[in-house]
N, C-alpha and C. Protein backbone atom coordinates (compact mmCIF):
# COMPACT_ATOMS: atom_id res chain seq x y z
N MET A 1 132.99 92.85 99.72
CA MET A 1 133.17 93.08 101.44
C MET A 1 131.99 93.89 101.76
N GLU A 2 131.88 95.39 100.79
CA GLU A 2 131.06 96.70 101.17
C GLU A 2 129.48 96.12 101.35
N ARG A 3 129.04 95.53 99.99
CA ARG A 3 127.53 94.71 100.19
C ARG A 3 127.35 93.80 101.20
N HIS A 4 128.04 92.87 101.57
CA HIS A 4 128.08 92.24 103.21
C HIS A 4 127.93 93.22 104.30
N LYS A 5 129.06 94.15 104.57
CA LYS A 5 128.75 95.31 105.54
C LYS A 5 127.26 95.87 105.58
N ARG A 6 126.76 96.24 104.77
CA ARG A 6 125.45 96.76 104.19
C ARG A 6 124.15 95.69 105.40
N PHE A 7 124.63 94.64 104.73
CA PHE A 7 123.33 93.71 105.13
C PHE A 7 123.62 93.37 106.67
N GLU A 8 125.11 93.54 106.79
CA GLU A 8 124.97 93.22 108.74
C GLU A 8 124.73 94.23 109.35
N LEU A 9 124.62 95.30 108.84
CA LEU A 9 124.01 96.86 109.68
C LEU A 9 122.87 96.48 109.56
N LYS A 10 122.10 96.06 108.27
CA LYS A 10 120.37 95.77 108.44
C LYS A 10 120.54 94.91 109.69
N ARG A 11 121.26 93.85 109.28
CA ARG A 11 120.68 92.69 110.15
C ARG A 11 120.52 93.08 111.71
N ARG A 12 121.80 93.81 112.16
CA ARG A 12 122.22 94.28 113.19
C ARG A 12 120.61 95.13 113.56
N HIS A 13 120.16 96.30 112.82
CA HIS A 13 119.10 97.30 113.43
C HIS A 13 118.22 96.58 113.57
N VAL A 14 117.97 95.28 112.73
CA VAL A 14 116.19 94.48 113.21
C VAL A 14 116.71 94.08 114.27
N ARG A 15 117.95 93.36 114.18
CA ARG A 15 117.98 92.52 116.10
C ARG A 15 117.66 93.64 117.20
N GLN A 16 118.40 94.88 116.73
CA GLN A 16 118.39 95.73 118.03
C GLN A 16 116.74 96.50 118.41
N ARG A 17 116.60 96.66 117.04
CA ARG A 17 114.95 97.08 117.39
C ARG A 17 114.19 95.82 118.21
N ALA A 18 114.09 95.15 117.25
CA ALA A 18 113.40 93.90 118.42
C ALA A 18 113.42 94.14 119.78
N GLU A 19 114.86 93.70 120.18
CA GLU A 19 115.20 93.93 121.76
C GLU A 19 114.69 95.37 121.86
N GLU A 20 114.56 96.26 121.41
CA GLU A 20 114.40 97.28 121.97
C GLU A 20 112.57 97.55 122.44
N LEU A 21 111.96 97.17 121.51
CA LEU A 21 110.53 96.96 121.33
C LEU A 21 109.90 96.11 122.58
N LEU A 22 111.04 94.51 122.68
CA LEU A 22 110.16 93.72 123.49
C LEU A 22 110.88 94.34 124.87
N GLY A 23 111.83 95.38 125.29
CA GLY A 23 112.26 95.72 126.43
C GLY A 23 111.39 97.15 127.28
N ARG A 24 110.48 97.00 126.03
CA ARG A 24 109.51 98.66 125.84
C ARG A 24 108.00 97.87 126.14
N LEU A 25 107.79 96.63 126.26
CA LEU A 25 106.29 96.04 126.25
C LEU A 25 105.65 96.56 127.26
N ASP A 26 106.18 96.52 128.44
CA ASP A 26 105.12 96.26 129.51
C ASP A 26 104.70 98.05 129.88
N ARG A 27 105.58 98.95 128.82
CA ARG A 27 105.80 100.51 128.87
C ARG A 27 104.60 100.87 128.21
N MET A 28 104.34 100.15 126.57
CA MET A 28 103.28 100.38 125.98
C MET A 28 102.12 101.01 126.36
N ASP A 29 101.54 101.86 125.77
CA ASP A 29 100.11 102.08 125.93
C ASP A 29 99.71 101.28 125.31
N ASP A 30 98.19 101.79 124.76
CA ASP A 30 97.18 101.12 124.60
C ASP A 30 97.00 101.59 122.53
N GLU A 31 97.54 103.06 121.96
CA GLU A 31 97.90 103.52 120.64
C GLU A 31 99.28 102.68 120.34
N GLU A 32 100.26 102.73 120.93
CA GLU A 32 101.30 102.27 120.71
C GLU A 32 101.55 100.60 120.37
N LEU A 33 100.70 99.66 121.42
CA LEU A 33 100.46 98.53 120.80
C LEU A 33 99.81 98.54 119.60
N ARG A 34 98.84 98.82 119.39
CA ARG A 34 97.87 99.02 118.31
C ARG A 34 98.71 99.22 116.97
N TRP A 35 99.58 100.35 117.34
CA TRP A 35 100.30 100.78 116.12
C TRP A 35 101.55 99.95 115.53
N THR A 36 102.28 99.26 116.87
CA THR A 36 103.36 98.61 116.37
C THR A 36 102.44 97.12 115.46
N VAL A 37 101.50 96.75 116.12
CA VAL A 37 100.97 95.70 115.44
C VAL A 37 100.65 95.77 114.03
N ARG A 38 100.12 97.11 113.86
CA ARG A 38 99.75 97.40 112.14
C ARG A 38 100.82 97.74 111.41
N LEU A 39 101.75 98.44 111.95
CA LEU A 39 103.05 98.43 111.11
C LEU A 39 103.80 97.51 110.47
N PHE A 40 103.78 96.76 111.28
CA PHE A 40 104.50 95.38 111.40
C PHE A 40 103.91 94.27 110.55
N ALA A 41 102.59 94.20 110.65
CA ALA A 41 101.76 93.73 110.30
C ALA A 41 101.45 93.74 108.62
N ASP A 42 101.20 95.17 108.26
CA ASP A 42 101.48 96.02 107.07
C ASP A 42 102.67 95.35 106.38
N CYS A 43 103.56 95.01 106.92
CA CYS A 43 104.59 94.81 105.89
C CYS A 43 104.99 93.49 105.43
N LEU A 44 104.07 92.59 106.56
CA LEU A 44 104.51 91.22 105.41
C LEU A 44 103.48 90.86 104.46
N PRO A 45 103.69 90.22 103.98
CA PRO A 45 102.84 89.31 102.90
C PRO A 45 101.59 88.58 102.96
N PRO A 46 100.29 89.37 102.54
CA PRO A 46 99.17 88.76 103.22
C PRO A 46 99.24 86.89 103.63
N ALA A 47 99.82 85.91 103.27
CA ALA A 47 100.05 84.82 103.78
C ALA A 47 100.43 84.39 104.87
N GLN A 48 101.73 85.65 104.96
CA GLN A 48 102.63 85.49 106.23
C GLN A 48 102.00 86.32 107.54
N ARG A 49 101.02 87.45 106.84
CA ARG A 49 100.42 88.37 107.84
C ARG A 49 99.35 87.18 108.85
N ALA A 50 98.62 86.61 108.17
CA ALA A 50 97.21 85.67 108.05
C ALA A 50 98.07 84.74 109.33
N ALA A 51 99.47 83.85 108.96
CA ALA A 51 100.08 83.44 109.97
C ALA A 51 100.49 83.71 111.33
N CYS A 52 101.12 84.88 111.19
CA CYS A 52 101.75 85.67 112.66
C CYS A 52 100.27 86.27 113.01
N LEU A 53 99.47 86.62 112.69
CA LEU A 53 98.59 87.39 113.42
C LEU A 53 97.39 86.49 113.74
N GLY A 54 97.44 85.26 113.25
CA GLY A 54 96.41 83.88 113.77
C GLY A 54 94.93 84.93 114.45
N GLY A 55 94.74 84.70 115.64
CA GLY A 55 93.62 85.45 115.74
C GLY A 55 93.69 86.67 116.63
N TYR A 56 94.86 87.29 116.24
CA TYR A 56 94.94 88.98 117.05
C TYR A 56 93.78 89.67 116.62
N GLU A 57 93.18 90.31 117.83
CA GLU A 57 92.58 91.26 118.01
C GLU A 57 92.75 92.86 118.49
N GLU A 58 92.37 93.64 118.21
CA GLU A 58 92.69 95.23 118.72
C GLU A 58 91.96 94.94 119.89
N ARG A 59 90.69 93.99 119.94
CA ARG A 59 90.08 94.41 121.18
C ARG A 59 90.62 93.93 122.39
N TRP A 60 91.34 93.24 122.05
CA TRP A 60 91.92 92.41 123.77
C TRP A 60 91.94 93.46 124.70
N GLY A 61 92.57 93.21 125.93
CA GLY A 61 92.92 94.07 126.78
C GLY A 61 94.43 94.38 126.47
N LEU A 62 95.03 95.20 127.32
CA LEU A 62 96.55 95.51 127.43
C LEU A 62 97.50 94.08 127.46
N ASP A 63 96.79 93.58 128.55
CA ASP A 63 98.04 92.43 128.94
C ASP A 63 97.62 91.56 128.04
N ARG A 64 97.10 91.22 127.45
CA ARG A 64 96.95 89.93 126.28
C ARG A 64 97.79 90.68 125.23
N ARG A 65 97.53 92.21 124.50
CA ARG A 65 98.11 92.42 123.24
C ARG A 65 99.85 92.47 123.69
N ARG A 66 99.87 92.53 125.23
CA ARG A 66 101.70 92.54 125.14
C ARG A 66 102.05 91.27 124.91
N ALA A 67 101.19 89.97 125.46
CA ALA A 67 101.53 89.17 125.23
C ALA A 67 101.80 88.34 124.27
N PHE A 68 100.86 89.23 123.51
CA PHE A 68 100.79 88.79 121.91
C PHE A 68 101.99 89.38 121.08
N LEU A 69 102.44 90.53 121.86
CA LEU A 69 103.97 90.71 120.73
C LEU A 69 104.88 90.61 121.65
N ALA A 70 105.00 89.87 122.63
CA ALA A 70 106.09 89.15 123.47
C ALA A 70 106.51 87.83 122.33
N GLY A 71 105.59 87.33 121.57
CA GLY A 71 105.72 86.19 120.68
C GLY A 71 105.68 86.96 119.14
N PHE A 72 104.96 87.75 118.80
CA PHE A 72 104.85 88.49 117.80
C PHE A 72 106.28 89.29 117.08
N ILE A 73 107.12 89.88 117.93
CA ILE A 73 108.03 90.74 117.31
C ILE A 73 109.39 89.86 117.10
N PRO A 74 109.78 88.69 117.91
CA PRO A 74 110.14 87.83 117.57
C PRO A 74 109.94 86.84 116.33
N ARG A 75 109.17 86.70 116.11
CA ARG A 75 108.46 86.10 114.73
C ARG A 75 108.92 87.09 113.55
N TYR A 76 108.66 88.15 113.75
CA TYR A 76 108.54 89.68 112.55
C TYR A 76 110.04 89.66 112.29
N ALA A 77 110.77 89.63 113.33
CA ALA A 77 112.41 89.63 113.46
C ALA A 77 113.00 88.57 112.41
N GLN A 78 112.43 87.33 113.00
CA GLN A 78 112.67 86.29 111.88
C GLN A 78 112.73 86.24 110.65
N LEU A 79 111.61 86.55 110.64
CA LEU A 79 110.90 86.92 109.05
C LEU A 79 111.99 87.66 108.20
N ALA A 80 112.15 88.68 108.95
CA ALA A 80 112.98 90.17 108.24
C ALA A 80 114.56 89.65 108.13
N LEU A 81 114.63 88.94 108.63
CA LEU A 81 116.21 88.24 109.02
C LEU A 81 116.43 87.48 107.89
N ALA A 82 115.40 86.80 107.80
CA ALA A 82 115.55 85.71 106.28
C ALA A 82 115.26 86.39 105.29
N ALA A 83 114.12 87.30 104.72
CA ALA A 83 114.01 87.99 103.71
C ALA A 83 115.31 88.79 103.46
N LEU A 84 116.93 89.60 104.30
CA LEU A 84 118.01 90.09 104.09
C LEU A 84 118.47 88.61 103.95
N ASP A 85 118.70 87.61 104.29
CA ASP A 85 119.90 86.37 103.96
C ASP A 85 119.18 86.03 102.37
N ARG A 86 118.05 85.97 102.01
CA ARG A 86 117.46 85.93 100.81
C ARG A 86 118.24 87.13 99.82
N ALA A 87 117.78 88.68 99.94
CA ALA A 87 117.72 89.47 99.33
C ALA A 87 119.83 89.17 99.03
N GLU A 88 120.14 88.92 100.27
CA GLU A 88 122.18 89.11 100.08
C GLU A 88 122.00 88.09 99.26
N ALA A 89 122.07 86.69 99.20
CA ALA A 89 121.89 85.75 98.24
C ALA A 89 121.93 85.61 97.20
N ALA A 90 120.66 86.67 96.78
CA ALA A 90 120.09 86.87 95.44
C ALA A 90 121.12 87.99 94.66
N ASP A 91 121.88 88.60 95.97
CA ASP A 91 122.71 89.97 95.14
C ASP A 91 123.99 89.38 94.83
N ASP A 92 124.63 87.67 95.47
CA ASP A 92 125.89 87.26 94.61
C ASP A 92 126.10 87.22 93.81
C-alpha cells in the first residue's frame, strides 16, 4: 500500500507541474522557454526526444515556442506518467 502511495504522489506531482507550466507559458521569457525545452528533452531517450521535438528550433520567436510548448508539455507529462505506470507494474 505504501509503495502505491509513493507512485500516486509522483503522478500528482507530474500532473501539477505540467498544469503549472502551462499556466505560465504566456509569462515565460526567452531563457525560461529555452531552458524548459532543454530540461525535459534531456530527460527523454533519444527516440522519444526526436519524436517529441520534431522540427523544434530555439531560433523560433517567443510565440511560436510558446505554442510548441503548449503541446510538448502535455506530451512529456503523458510519457512521464506512462513510465511511472511501467515502474509500478515492474515493482509488483
